[in-house]
Structure formats: C-alpha cells, structure tokens
Amino acid sequence: MTRIPRYIDDPPTILFWDVDELAVICICMAVGIITGKLTQFIVGGLIVSKLIGKVKKDKSDGYLQHILYWLGIMPLKGLPPSYKRSFIE
C-alpha cells in the first residue's frame, strides 16, 4: 500500500520520521557501529530526532537550514558564506 501525501508540499517521510530526522538516526547508528556502542548512539539519535521534530513543529519551514547556514555548517546555493557580512557592489 502506497501512502499518498495529502498536500503537494508535504515533506517526504519514512515510517514516522521526516527525512532529515531519519538522517540523524542513521548517522548516529553508523557512529555507534564504528565505535562499538550501538545502543547508546541509537538512543541518543532517537532523542535528538525527537528534539528536532519539536523545534520544526514550532518554527517555519527551512528554519533548521537557516540555522545551519548561519553556523557555517551547511552552505546554501547561490549565497556567499555566512561569515561574510558586508558586500561591495
């Protein structure tokens, strides 16, 4: 059975999570496998995923992307790096 989104702009989901929340869980699982502490990292990934879901629920779309951009973690296409504050035209 295929789930059809109710609205055209619904974010893609897998089971209960949005794709970005699931990415946190998968990254934590990979780190847990590498370090040999799988259970602790999966529990930590689930907790962080739940916190990300709560933050996303209260804020507008793209809020986490903008925070990651201003922290310098994730560059956005077509924009200069976030540490460049003044521009000369």
Protein backbone atom coordinates (compact mmCIF):
# COMPACT_ATOMS: atom_id res chain seq x y z
CA MET A 1 0.00 0.00 0.00
CA THR A 2 1.42 3.37 -1.00
CA ARG A 3 0.84 6.44 1.14
CA ILE A 4 -0.26 9.42 -0.93
CA PRO A 5 0.54 12.80 0.67
CA ARG A 6 -2.48 14.95 1.49
CA TYR A 7 -0.82 18.13 0.29
CA ILE A 8 1.65 18.69 -2.52
CA ASP A 9 4.20 20.40 -0.25
CA ASP A 10 4.27 17.74 2.50
CA PRO A 11 7.87 16.77 3.30
CA PRO A 12 8.93 13.23 2.37
CA THR A 13 8.60 10.79 5.27
CA ILE A 14 9.79 7.28 6.04
CA LEU A 15 7.68 5.49 8.67
CA PHE A 16 7.21 8.08 11.45
CA TRP A 17 10.05 10.47 10.62
CA ASP A 18 10.79 13.20 8.11
CA VAL A 19 13.89 12.54 6.03
CA ASP A 20 16.10 14.97 8.00
CA GLU A 21 15.10 13.40 11.33
CA LEU A 22 15.81 9.93 9.97
CA ALA A 23 19.22 11.09 8.73
CA VAL A 24 20.19 11.93 12.33
CA ILE A 25 19.21 8.45 13.47
CA CYS A 26 21.14 6.79 10.62
CA ILE A 27 24.27 8.87 11.28
CA CYS A 28 24.11 8.01 14.98
CA MET A 29 23.65 4.35 14.12
CA ALA A 30 26.70 4.40 11.83
CA VAL A 31 28.82 6.09 14.50
CA GLY A 32 27.54 3.55 17.05
CA ILE A 33 28.58 0.65 14.82
CA ILE A 34 32.04 2.15 14.28
CA THR A 35 32.62 2.84 17.99
CA GLY A 36 31.02 -0.37 19.24
CA LYS A 37 28.36 1.46 21.29
CA LEU A 38 25.35 0.95 19.06
CA THR A 39 22.64 1.02 21.74
CA GLN A 40 23.79 4.30 23.28
CA PHE A 41 24.07 6.04 19.92
CA ILE A 42 20.68 4.81 18.69
CA VAL A 43 19.03 6.06 21.89
CA GLY A 44 20.87 9.37 21.52
CA GLY A 45 19.81 9.59 17.87
CA LEU A 46 16.17 8.99 18.79
CA ILE A 47 16.31 11.69 21.46
CA VAL A 48 17.96 14.21 19.12
CA SER A 49 15.47 13.32 16.38
CA LYS A 50 12.58 13.96 18.78
CA LEU A 51 14.08 17.35 19.73
CA ILE A 52 14.50 18.28 16.06
CA GLY A 53 10.86 17.35 15.45
CA LYS A 54 9.73 19.62 18.31
CA VAL A 55 11.80 22.53 17.01
CA LYS A 56 10.50 22.05 13.47
CA LYS A 57 6.90 21.93 14.68
CA ASP A 58 7.10 25.37 16.32
CA LYS A 59 9.11 27.17 13.61
CA SER A 60 8.60 27.96 9.93
CA ASP A 61 9.78 25.81 7.04
CA GLY A 62 13.53 25.92 6.44
CA TYR A 63 14.33 27.12 9.97
CA LEU A 64 16.93 24.42 10.63
CA GLN A 65 18.57 25.01 7.23
CA HIS A 66 18.98 28.69 8.03
CA ILE A 67 20.43 27.95 11.47
CA LEU A 68 22.94 25.52 9.93
CA TYR A 69 23.80 28.14 7.29
CA TRP A 70 24.50 30.86 9.87
CA LEU A 71 26.62 28.45 11.91
CA GLY A 72 28.65 27.74 8.76
CA ILE A 73 27.80 24.05 8.72
CA MET A 74 25.68 23.92 5.56
CA PRO A 75 26.24 26.38 2.69
CA LEU A 76 23.19 27.40 0.67
CA LYS A 77 23.32 27.50 -3.13
CA GLY A 78 23.74 30.95 -4.59
CA LEU A 79 24.62 32.61 -1.29
CA PRO A 80 28.05 33.64 -0.05
CA PRO A 81 29.46 32.04 3.11
CA SER A 82 27.71 33.24 6.26
CA TYR A 83 30.86 34.78 7.76
CA LYS A 84 30.93 37.44 5.02
CA ARG A 85 28.74 40.16 6.50
CA SER A 86 29.40 43.17 4.26
CA PHE A 87 29.41 43.31 0.49
CA ILE A 88 30.84 45.75 -2.03
CA GLU A 89 28.83 46.25 -5.22
